[in-house]
Amino acid sequence: MSKRSPFDKRREILRSLLIGIRKQQNTTQDQLAKQLQKPQSFVSKYESGDRTIDLVEAYQICQALNYQFMELITGFEAEVNEEAAIYDSGKFY
């Protein structure tokens, strides 16, 4: 069984989307953590890639940020497909 890497491109895409949503909402890591009833380090660690998050946590983050979960999923899928197209064309770095 292979160990999951927190730096897998798909996880990087998810982190980037969640960071962008948080910043778009003008919410600090501390404010988000309080909404989630978690320590600020929880947000810091998943945003830096030191911690992976699961689907339920991603859903809770969207709820705390008043962001539609399906928009996150749609954006994630679009970016993953774009990366796959780049990879398939041989331009993936």
PDB file of N, CA and C in Angstrom:
ATOM      1  N   MET A   1       0.849  -1.181   0.000  1.00  0.00           N
ATOM      2  CA  MET A   1       0.000   0.000   0.000  1.00  0.00           C
ATOM      3  C   MET A   1       0.890   1.238   0.000  1.00  0.00           C
ATOM      4  N   SER A   2       0.638   2.153  -0.892  1.00  0.00           N
ATOM      5  CA  SER A   2       1.477   3.338  -0.967  1.00  0.00           C
ATOM      6  C   SER A   2       1.008   4.399   0.024  1.00  0.00           C
ATOM      7  N   LYS A   3       1.962   5.140   0.502  1.00  0.00           N
ATOM      8  CA  LYS A   3       1.669   6.224   1.440  1.00  0.00           C
ATOM      9  C   LYS A   3       1.245   7.450   0.635  1.00  0.00           C
ATOM     10  N   ARG A   4       0.172   8.105   1.056  1.00  0.00           N
ATOM     11  CA  ARG A   4      -0.294   9.298   0.364  1.00  0.00           C
ATOM     12  C   ARG A   4       0.648  10.456   0.644  1.00  0.00           C
ATOM     13  N   SER A   5       0.971  11.179  -0.378  1.00  0.00           N
ATOM     14  CA  SER A   5       1.822  12.349  -0.225  1.00  0.00           C
ATOM     15  C   SER A   5       0.952  13.590  -0.109  1.00  0.00           C
ATOM     16  N   PRO A   6       1.192  14.408   0.922  1.00  0.00           N
ATOM     17  CA  PRO A   6       0.406  15.644   1.032  1.00  0.00           C
ATOM     18  C   PRO A   6       0.743  16.632  -0.081  1.00  0.00           C
ATOM     19  N   PHE A   7       1.788  16.359  -0.823  1.00  0.00           N
ATOM     20  CA  PHE A   7       2.184  17.264  -1.887  1.00  0.00           C
ATOM     21  C   PHE A   7       1.744  16.767  -3.262  1.00  0.00           C
ATOM     22  N   ASP A   8       0.874  15.759  -3.280  1.00  0.00           N
ATOM     23  CA  ASP A   8       0.256  15.289  -4.507  1.00  0.00           C
ATOM     24  C   ASP A   8      -0.428  16.479  -5.176  1.00  0.00           C
ATOM     25  N   LYS A   9      -0.339  16.574  -6.497  1.00  0.00           N
ATOM     26  CA  LYS A   9      -0.867  17.728  -7.230  1.00  0.00           C
ATOM     27  C   LYS A   9      -2.352  17.980  -6.942  1.00  0.00           C
ATOM     28  N   ARG A  10      -3.124  16.925  -6.812  1.00  0.00           N
ATOM     29  CA  ARG A  10      -4.556  17.116  -6.541  1.00  0.00           C
ATOM     30  C   ARG A  10      -4.773  17.731  -5.160  1.00  0.00           C
ATOM     31  N   ARG A  11      -3.986  17.324  -4.196  1.00  0.00           N
ATOM     32  CA  ARG A  11      -4.112  17.921  -2.865  1.00  0.00           C
ATOM     33  C   ARG A  11      -3.660  19.381  -2.885  1.00  0.00           C
ATOM     34  N   GLU A  12      -2.654  19.657  -3.702  1.00  0.00           N
ATOM     35  CA  GLU A  12      -2.188  21.039  -3.863  1.00  0.00           C
ATOM     36  C   GLU A  12      -3.303  21.903  -4.454  1.00  0.00           C
ATOM     37  N   ILE A  13      -4.017  21.361  -5.424  1.00  0.00           N
ATOM     38  CA  ILE A  13      -5.135  22.080  -6.039  1.00  0.00           C
ATOM     39  C   ILE A  13      -6.214  22.357  -4.993  1.00  0.00           C
ATOM     40  N   LEU A  14      -6.570  21.357  -4.201  1.00  0.00           N
ATOM     41  CA  LEU A  14      -7.595  21.549  -3.171  1.00  0.00           C
ATOM     42  C   LEU A  14      -7.160  22.609  -2.167  1.00  0.00           C
ATOM     43  N   ARG A  15      -5.918  22.515  -1.724  1.00  0.00           N
ATOM     44  CA  ARG A  15      -5.414  23.515  -0.771  1.00  0.00           C
ATOM     45  C   ARG A  15      -5.492  24.914  -1.365  1.00  0.00           C
ATOM     46  N   SER A  16      -5.063  25.046  -2.597  1.00  0.00           N
ATOM     47  CA  SER A  16      -5.073  26.345  -3.260  1.00  0.00           C
ATOM     48  C   SER A  16      -6.490  26.908  -3.366  1.00  0.00           C
ATOM     49  N   LEU A  17      -7.431  26.059  -3.724  1.00  0.00           N
ATOM     50  CA  LEU A  17      -8.824  26.507  -3.818  1.00  0.00           C
ATOM     51  C   LEU A  17      -9.348  26.966  -2.462  1.00  0.00           C
ATOM     52  N   LEU A  18      -9.084  26.181  -1.418  1.00  0.00           N
ATOM     53  CA  LEU A  18      -9.584  26.540  -0.090  1.00  0.00           C
ATOM     54  C   LEU A  18      -8.929  27.814   0.443  1.00  0.00           C
ATOM     55  N   ILE A  19      -7.651  27.982   0.177  1.00  0.00           N
ATOM     56  CA  ILE A  19      -6.972  29.218   0.581  1.00  0.00           C
ATOM     57  C   ILE A  19      -7.587  30.402  -0.154  1.00  0.00           C
ATOM     58  N   GLY A  20      -7.808  30.233  -1.458  1.00  0.00           N
ATOM     59  CA  GLY A  20      -8.406  31.302  -2.253  1.00  0.00           C
ATOM     60  C   GLY A  20      -9.794  31.685  -1.769  1.00  0.00           C
ATOM     61  N   ILE A  21     -10.591  30.701  -1.420  1.00  0.00           N
ATOM     62  CA  ILE A  21     -11.943  30.969  -0.912  1.00  0.00           C
ATOM     63  C   ILE A  21     -11.854  31.732   0.404  1.00  0.00           C
ATOM     64  N   ARG A  22     -10.974  31.277   1.293  1.00  0.00           N
ATOM     65  CA  ARG A  22     -10.828  31.949   2.594  1.00  0.00           C
ATOM     66  C   ARG A  22     -10.409  33.402   2.403  1.00  0.00           C
ATOM     67  N   LYS A  23      -9.432  33.618   1.546  1.00  0.00           N
ATOM     68  CA  LYS A  23      -8.940  34.980   1.314  1.00  0.00           C
ATOM     69  C   LYS A  23      -9.986  35.836   0.615  1.00  0.00           C
ATOM     70  N   GLN A  24     -10.735  35.238  -0.310  1.00  0.00           N
ATOM     71  CA  GLN A  24     -11.802  35.951  -1.018  1.00  0.00           C
ATOM     72  C   GLN A  24     -12.869  36.439  -0.033  1.00  0.00           C
ATOM     73  N   GLN A  25     -13.063  35.667   1.022  1.00  0.00           N
ATOM     74  CA  GLN A  25     -14.043  36.022   2.048  1.00  0.00           C
ATOM     75  C   GLN A  25     -13.459  36.991   3.083  1.00  0.00           C
ATOM     76  N   ASN A  26     -12.189  37.379   2.893  1.00  0.00           N
ATOM     77  CA  ASN A  26     -11.490  38.253   3.848  1.00  0.00           C
ATOM     78  C   ASN A  26     -11.532  37.676   5.257  1.00  0.00           C
ATOM     79  N   THR A  27     -11.278  36.378   5.336  1.00  0.00           N
ATOM     80  CA  THR A  27     -11.296  35.662   6.613  1.00  0.00           C
ATOM     81  C   THR A  27      -9.872  35.233   6.942  1.00  0.00           C
ATOM     82  N   THR A  28      -9.459  35.464   8.170  1.00  0.00           N
ATOM     83  CA  THR A  28      -8.132  35.032   8.595  1.00  0.00           C
ATOM     84  C   THR A  28      -8.173  33.547   8.970  1.00  0.00           C
ATOM     85  N   GLN A  29      -6.998  32.965   9.079  1.00  0.00           N
ATOM     86  CA  GLN A  29      -6.929  31.577   9.533  1.00  0.00           C
ATOM     87  C   GLN A  29      -7.547  31.451  10.926  1.00  0.00           C
ATOM     88  N   ASP A  30      -7.274  32.404  11.779  1.00  0.00           N
ATOM     89  CA  ASP A  30      -7.804  32.367  13.145  1.00  0.00           C
ATOM     90  C   ASP A  30      -9.330  32.444  13.151  1.00  0.00           C
ATOM     91  N   GLN A  31      -9.890  33.314  12.339  1.00  0.00           N
ATOM     92  CA  GLN A  31     -11.347  33.438  12.263  1.00  0.00           C
ATOM     93  C   GLN A  31     -11.982  32.146  11.763  1.00  0.00           C
ATOM     94  N   LEU A  32     -11.373  31.556  10.731  1.00  0.00           N
ATOM     95  CA  LEU A  32     -11.896  30.301  10.197  1.00  0.00           C
ATOM     96  C   LEU A  32     -11.804  29.199  11.244  1.00  0.00           C
ATOM     97  N   ALA A  33     -10.677  29.117  11.914  1.00  0.00           N
ATOM     98  CA  ALA A  33     -10.494  28.094  12.945  1.00  0.00           C
ATOM     99  C   ALA A  33     -11.560  28.222  14.035  1.00  0.00           C
ATOM    100  N   LYS A  34     -11.868  29.438  14.426  1.00  0.00           N
ATOM    101  CA  LYS A  34     -12.907  29.642  15.453  1.00  0.00           C
ATOM    102  C   LYS A  34     -14.267  29.173  14.944  1.00  0.00           C
ATOM    103  N   GLN A  35     -14.561  29.444  13.678  1.00  0.00           N
ATOM    104  CA  GLN A  35     -15.823  28.973  13.085  1.00  0.00           C
ATOM    105  C   GLN A  35     -15.889  27.448  13.094  1.00  0.00           C
ATOM    106  N   LEU A  36     -14.741  26.825  12.867  1.00  0.00           N
ATOM    107  CA  LEU A  36     -14.668  25.360  12.817  1.00  0.00           C
ATOM    108  C   LEU A  36     -14.522  24.733  14.205  1.00  0.00           C
ATOM    109  N   GLN A  37     -14.341  25.579  15.210  1.00  0.00           N
ATOM    110  CA  GLN A  37     -14.084  25.131  16.576  1.00  0.00           C
ATOM    111  C   GLN A  37     -12.836  24.251  16.625  1.00  0.00           C
ATOM    112  N   LYS A  38     -11.800  24.741  15.958  1.00  0.00           N
ATOM    113  CA  LYS A  38     -10.510  24.069  15.886  1.00  0.00           C
ATOM    114  C   LYS A  38      -9.434  25.091  16.240  1.00  0.00           C
ATOM    115  N   PRO A  39      -8.232  24.617  16.569  1.00  0.00           N
ATOM    116  CA  PRO A  39      -7.138  25.566  16.783  1.00  0.00           C
ATOM    117  C   PRO A  39      -6.690  26.174  15.455  1.00  0.00           C
ATOM    118  N   GLN A  40      -6.099  27.340  15.510  1.00  0.00           N
ATOM    119  CA  GLN A  40      -5.616  28.007  14.298  1.00  0.00           C
ATOM    120  C   GLN A  40      -4.619  27.124  13.563  1.00  0.00           C
ATOM    121  N   SER A  41      -3.879  26.318  14.303  1.00  0.00           N
ATOM    122  CA  SER A  41      -2.884  25.441  13.683  1.00  0.00           C
ATOM    123  C   SER A  41      -3.530  24.425  12.735  1.00  0.00           C
ATOM    124  N   PHE A  42      -4.796  24.067  12.965  1.00  0.00           N
ATOM    125  CA  PHE A  42      -5.501  23.156  12.058  1.00  0.00           C
ATOM    126  C   PHE A  42      -5.544  23.750  10.653  1.00  0.00           C
ATOM    127  N   VAL A  43      -5.946  25.020  10.574  1.00  0.00           N
ATOM    128  CA  VAL A  43      -6.048  25.696   9.275  1.00  0.00           C
ATOM    129  C   VAL A  43      -4.653  25.880   8.683  1.00  0.00           C
ATOM    130  N   SER A  44      -3.726  26.322   9.490  1.00  0.00           N
ATOM    131  CA  SER A  44      -2.359  26.531   9.022  1.00  0.00           C
ATOM    132  C   SER A  44      -1.755  25.254   8.464  1.00  0.00           C
ATOM    133  N   LYS A  45      -1.970  24.145   9.146  1.00  0.00           N
ATOM    134  CA  LYS A  45      -1.361  22.884   8.720  1.00  0.00           C
ATOM    135  C   LYS A  45      -1.965  22.351   7.426  1.00  0.00           C
ATOM    136  N   TYR A  46      -3.285  22.455   7.248  1.00  0.00           N
ATOM    137  CA  TYR A  46      -3.820  21.943   5.979  1.00  0.00           C
ATOM    138  C   TYR A  46      -3.487  22.897   4.837  1.00  0.00           C
ATOM    139  N   GLU A  47      -3.408  24.192   5.118  1.00  0.00           N
ATOM    140  CA  GLU A  47      -3.066  25.139   4.063  1.00  0.00           C
ATOM    141  C   GLU A  47      -1.609  24.991   3.618  1.00  0.00           C
ATOM    142  N   SER A  48      -0.729  24.601   4.527  1.00  0.00           N
ATOM    143  CA  SER A  48       0.689  24.436   4.178  1.00  0.00           C
ATOM    144  C   SER A  48       0.995  23.043   3.632  1.00  0.00           C
ATOM    145  N   GLY A  49       0.051  22.120   3.755  1.00  0.00           N
ATOM    146  CA  GLY A  49       0.261  20.761   3.278  1.00  0.00           C
ATOM    147  C   GLY A  49       0.807  19.828   4.339  1.00  0.00           C
ATOM    148  N   ASP A  50       0.942  20.327   5.555  1.00  0.00           N
ATOM    149  CA  ASP A  50       1.425  19.482   6.653  1.00  0.00           C
ATOM    150  C   ASP A  50       0.354  18.507   7.123  1.00  0.00           C
ATOM    151  N   ARG A  51      -0.885  18.756   6.728  1.00  0.00           N
ATOM    152  CA  ARG A  51      -2.003  17.901   7.122  1.00  0.00           C
ATOM    153  C   ARG A  51      -2.926  17.777   5.928  1.00  0.00           C
ATOM    154  N   THR A  52      -3.447  16.575   5.721  1.00  0.00           N
ATOM    155  CA  THR A  52      -4.447  16.407   4.669  1.00  0.00           C
ATOM    156  C   THR A  52      -5.836  16.517   5.294  1.00  0.00           C
ATOM    157  N   ILE A  53      -6.788  16.901   4.495  1.00  0.00           N
ATOM    158  CA  ILE A  53      -8.167  16.980   4.978  1.00  0.00           C
ATOM    159  C   ILE A  53      -9.013  16.010   4.183  1.00  0.00           C
ATOM    160  N   ASP A  54     -10.083  15.565   4.807  1.00  0.00           N
ATOM    161  CA  ASP A  54     -10.981  14.651   4.107  1.00  0.00           C
ATOM    162  C   ASP A  54     -12.184  15.415   3.566  1.00  0.00           C
ATOM    163  N   LEU A  55     -13.075  14.692   2.924  1.00  0.00           N
ATOM    164  CA  LEU A  55     -14.242  15.297   2.283  1.00  0.00           C
ATOM    165  C   LEU A  55     -15.139  16.008   3.298  1.00  0.00           C
ATOM    166  N   VAL A  56     -15.325  15.390   4.451  1.00  0.00           N
ATOM    167  CA  VAL A  56     -16.184  15.986   5.483  1.00  0.00           C
ATOM    168  C   VAL A  56     -15.580  17.301   5.965  1.00  0.00           C
ATOM    169  N   GLU A  57     -14.268  17.322   6.168  1.00  0.00           N
ATOM    170  CA  GLU A  57     -13.619  18.555   6.615  1.00  0.00           C
ATOM    171  C   GLU A  57     -13.704  19.642   5.549  1.00  0.00           C
ATOM    172  N   ALA A  58     -13.543  19.280   4.285  1.00  0.00           N
ATOM    173  CA  ALA A  58     -13.680  20.254   3.201  1.00  0.00           C
ATOM    174  C   ALA A  58     -15.101  20.833   3.189  1.00  0.00           C
ATOM    175  N   TYR A  59     -16.074  19.978   3.414  1.00  0.00           N
ATOM    176  CA  TYR A  59     -17.468  20.427   3.484  1.00  0.00           C
ATOM    177  C   TYR A  59     -17.669  21.404   4.641  1.00  0.00           C
ATOM    178  N   GLN A  60     -17.110  21.080   5.797  1.00  0.00           N
ATOM    179  CA  GLN A  60     -17.235  21.943   6.977  1.00  0.00           C
ATOM    180  C   GLN A  60     -16.544  23.288   6.744  1.00  0.00           C
ATOM    181  N   ILE A  61     -15.419  23.269   6.071  1.00  0.00           N
ATOM    182  CA  ILE A  61     -14.712  24.517   5.763  1.00  0.00           C
ATOM    183  C   ILE A  61     -15.577  25.385   4.857  1.00  0.00           C
ATOM    184  N   CYS A  62     -16.180  24.782   3.839  1.00  0.00           N
ATOM    185  CA  CYS A  62     -17.077  25.535   2.953  1.00  0.00           C
ATOM    186  C   CYS A  62     -18.249  26.126   3.732  1.00  0.00           C
ATOM    187  N   GLN A  63     -18.832  25.336   4.619  1.00  0.00           N
ATOM    188  CA  GLN A  63     -19.944  25.842   5.426  1.00  0.00           C
ATOM    189  C   GLN A  63     -19.500  27.029   6.274  1.00  0.00           C
ATOM    190  N   ALA A  64     -18.342  26.907   6.906  1.00  0.00           N
ATOM    191  CA  ALA A  64     -17.844  27.985   7.768  1.00  0.00           C
ATOM    192  C   ALA A  64     -17.582  29.255   6.967  1.00  0.00           C
ATOM    193  N   LEU A  65     -17.208  29.092   5.707  1.00  0.00           N
ATOM    194  CA  LEU A  65     -16.929  30.247   4.855  1.00  0.00           C
ATOM    195  C   LEU A  65     -18.147  30.695   4.048  1.00  0.00           C
ATOM    196  N   ASN A  66     -19.292  30.052   4.297  1.00  0.00           N
ATOM    197  CA  ASN A  66     -20.524  30.378   3.574  1.00  0.00           C
ATOM    198  C   ASN A  66     -20.306  30.265   2.061  1.00  0.00           C
ATOM    199  N   TYR A  67     -19.683  29.161   1.673  1.00  0.00           N
ATOM    200  CA  TYR A  67     -19.345  28.907   0.275  1.00  0.00           C
ATOM    201  C   TYR A  67     -20.002  27.597  -0.148  1.00  0.00           C
ATOM    202  N   GLN A  68     -20.560  27.580  -1.328  1.00  0.00           N
ATOM    203  CA  GLN A  68     -21.242  26.386  -1.819  1.00  0.00           C
ATOM    204  C   GLN A  68     -20.238  25.247  -2.059  1.00  0.00           C
ATOM    205  N   PHE A  69     -20.446  24.135  -1.378  1.00  0.00           N
ATOM    206  CA  PHE A  69     -19.558  22.985  -1.497  1.00  0.00           C
ATOM    207  C   PHE A  69     -19.467  22.503  -2.943  1.00  0.00           C
ATOM    208  N   MET A  70     -20.583  22.510  -3.657  1.00  0.00           N
ATOM    209  CA  MET A  70     -20.582  22.051  -5.048  1.00  0.00           C
ATOM    210  C   MET A  70     -19.722  22.953  -5.931  1.00  0.00           C
ATOM    211  N   GLU A  71     -19.613  24.238  -5.590  1.00  0.00           N
ATOM    212  CA  GLU A  71     -18.728  25.125  -6.347  1.00  0.00           C
ATOM    213  C   GLU A  71     -17.274  24.723  -6.135  1.00  0.00           C
ATOM    214  N   LEU A  72     -16.944  24.331  -4.905  1.00  0.00           N
ATOM    215  CA  LEU A  72     -15.597  23.835  -4.636  1.00  0.00           C
ATOM    216  C   LEU A  72     -15.327  22.586  -5.463  1.00  0.00           C
ATOM    217  N   ILE A  73     -16.257  21.650  -5.458  1.00  0.00           N
ATOM    218  CA  ILE A  73     -16.093  20.397  -6.189  1.00  0.00           C
ATOM    219  C   ILE A  73     -15.961  20.668  -7.685  1.00  0.00           C
ATOM    220  N   THR A  74     -16.781  21.544  -8.213  1.00  0.00           N
ATOM    221  CA  THR A  74     -16.739  21.878  -9.633  1.00  0.00           C
ATOM    222  C   THR A  74     -15.404  22.524 -10.002  1.00  0.00           C
ATOM    223  N   GLY A  75     -14.953  23.457  -9.172  1.00  0.00           N
ATOM    224  CA  GLY A  75     -13.665  24.104  -9.413  1.00  0.00           C
ATOM    225  C   GLY A  75     -12.512  23.122  -9.318  1.00  0.00           C
ATOM    226  N   PHE A  76     -12.597  22.226  -8.340  1.00  0.00           N
ATOM    227  CA  PHE A  76     -11.569  21.205  -8.165  1.00  0.00           C
ATOM    228  C   PHE A  76     -11.494  20.310  -9.396  1.00  0.00           C
ATOM    229  N   GLU A  77     -12.649  19.839  -9.839  1.00  0.00           N
ATOM    230  CA  GLU A  77     -12.683  18.950 -10.997  1.00  0.00           C
ATOM    231  C   GLU A  77     -12.131  19.641 -12.245  1.00  0.00           C
ATOM    232  N   ALA A  78     -12.485  20.898 -12.437  1.00  0.00           N
ATOM    233  CA  ALA A  78     -12.001  21.636 -13.608  1.00  0.00           C
ATOM    234  C   ALA A  78     -10.478  21.766 -13.572  1.00  0.00           C
ATOM    235  N   GLU A  79      -9.926  22.082 -12.404  1.00  0.00           N
ATOM    236  CA  GLU A  79      -8.477  22.250 -12.306  1.00  0.00           C
ATOM    237  C   GLU A  79      -7.741  20.926 -12.435  1.00  0.00           C
ATOM    238  N   VAL A  80      -8.298  19.872 -11.866  1.00  0.00           N
ATOM    239  CA  VAL A  80      -7.674  18.550 -12.007  1.00  0.00           C
ATOM    240  C   VAL A  80      -7.681  18.127 -13.472  1.00  0.00           C
ATOM    241  N   ASN A  81      -8.791  18.352 -14.159  1.00  0.00           N
ATOM    242  CA  ASN A  81      -8.868  17.997 -15.578  1.00  0.00           C
ATOM    243  C   ASN A  81      -7.904  18.824 -16.416  1.00  0.00           C
ATOM    244  N   GLU A  82      -7.732  20.092 -16.055  1.00  0.00           N
ATOM    245  CA  GLU A  82      -6.783  20.954 -16.760  1.00  0.00           C
ATOM    246  C   GLU A  82      -5.351  20.439 -16.566  1.00  0.00           C
ATOM    247  N   GLU A  83      -5.019  20.061 -15.349  1.00  0.00           N
ATOM    248  CA  GLU A  83      -3.691  19.502 -15.065  1.00  0.00           C
ATOM    249  C   GLU A  83      -3.481  18.201 -15.829  1.00  0.00           C
ATOM    250  N   ALA A  84      -4.516  17.377 -15.895  1.00  0.00           N
ATOM    251  CA  ALA A  84      -4.410  16.107 -16.626  1.00  0.00           C
ATOM    252  C   ALA A  84      -4.168  16.364 -18.107  1.00  0.00           C
ATOM    253  N   ALA A  85      -4.823  17.368 -18.658  1.00  0.00           N
ATOM    254  CA  ALA A  85      -4.637  17.698 -20.073  1.00  0.00           C
ATOM    255  C   ALA A  85      -3.217  18.185 -20.318  1.00  0.00           C
ATOM    256  N   ILE A  86      -2.684  18.969 -19.398  1.00  0.00           N
ATOM    257  CA  ILE A  86      -1.299  19.441 -19.522  1.00  0.00           C
ATOM    258  C   ILE A  86      -0.348  18.259 -19.450  1.00  0.00           C
ATOM    259  N   TYR A  87      -0.607  17.356 -18.506  1.00  0.00           N
ATOM    260  CA  TYR A  87       0.233  16.171 -18.341  1.00  0.00           C
ATOM    261  C   TYR A  87       0.196  15.304 -19.591  1.00  0.00           C
ATOM    262  N   ASP A  88      -0.997  15.100 -20.123  1.00  0.00           N
ATOM    263  CA  ASP A  88      -1.168  14.255 -21.311  1.00  0.00           C
ATOM    264  C   ASP A  88      -0.506  14.855 -22.549  1.00  0.00           C
ATOM    265  N   SER A  89      -0.402  16.182 -22.581  1.00  0.00           N
ATOM    266  CA  SER A  89       0.212  16.830 -23.745  1.00  0.00           C
ATOM    267  C   SER A  89       1.731  16.828 -23.635  1.00  0.00           C
ATOM    268  N   GLY A  90       2.272  16.351 -22.514  1.00  0.00           N
ATOM    269  CA  GLY A  90       3.713  16.295 -22.332  1.00  0.00           C
ATOM    270  C   GLY A  90       4.315  17.581 -21.819  1.00  0.00           C
ATOM    271  N   LYS A  91       3.465  18.532 -21.404  1.00  0.00           N
ATOM    272  CA  LYS A  91       3.956  19.820 -20.911  1.00  0.00           C
ATOM    273  C   LYS A  91       3.921  19.914 -19.404  1.00  0.00           C
ATOM    274  N   PHE A  92       3.715  18.790 -18.744  1.00  0.00           N
ATOM    275  CA  PHE A  92       3.598  18.772 -17.287  1.00  0.00           C
ATOM    276  C   PHE A  92       4.981  18.833 -16.668  1.00  0.00           C
ATOM    277  N   TYR A  93       5.179  19.740 -15.732  1.00  0.00           N
ATOM    278  CA  TYR A  93       6.482  19.899 -15.075  1.00  0.00           C
ATOM    279  C   TYR A  93       6.387  19.491 -13.643  1.00  0.00           C
TER     280      TYR A  93
END
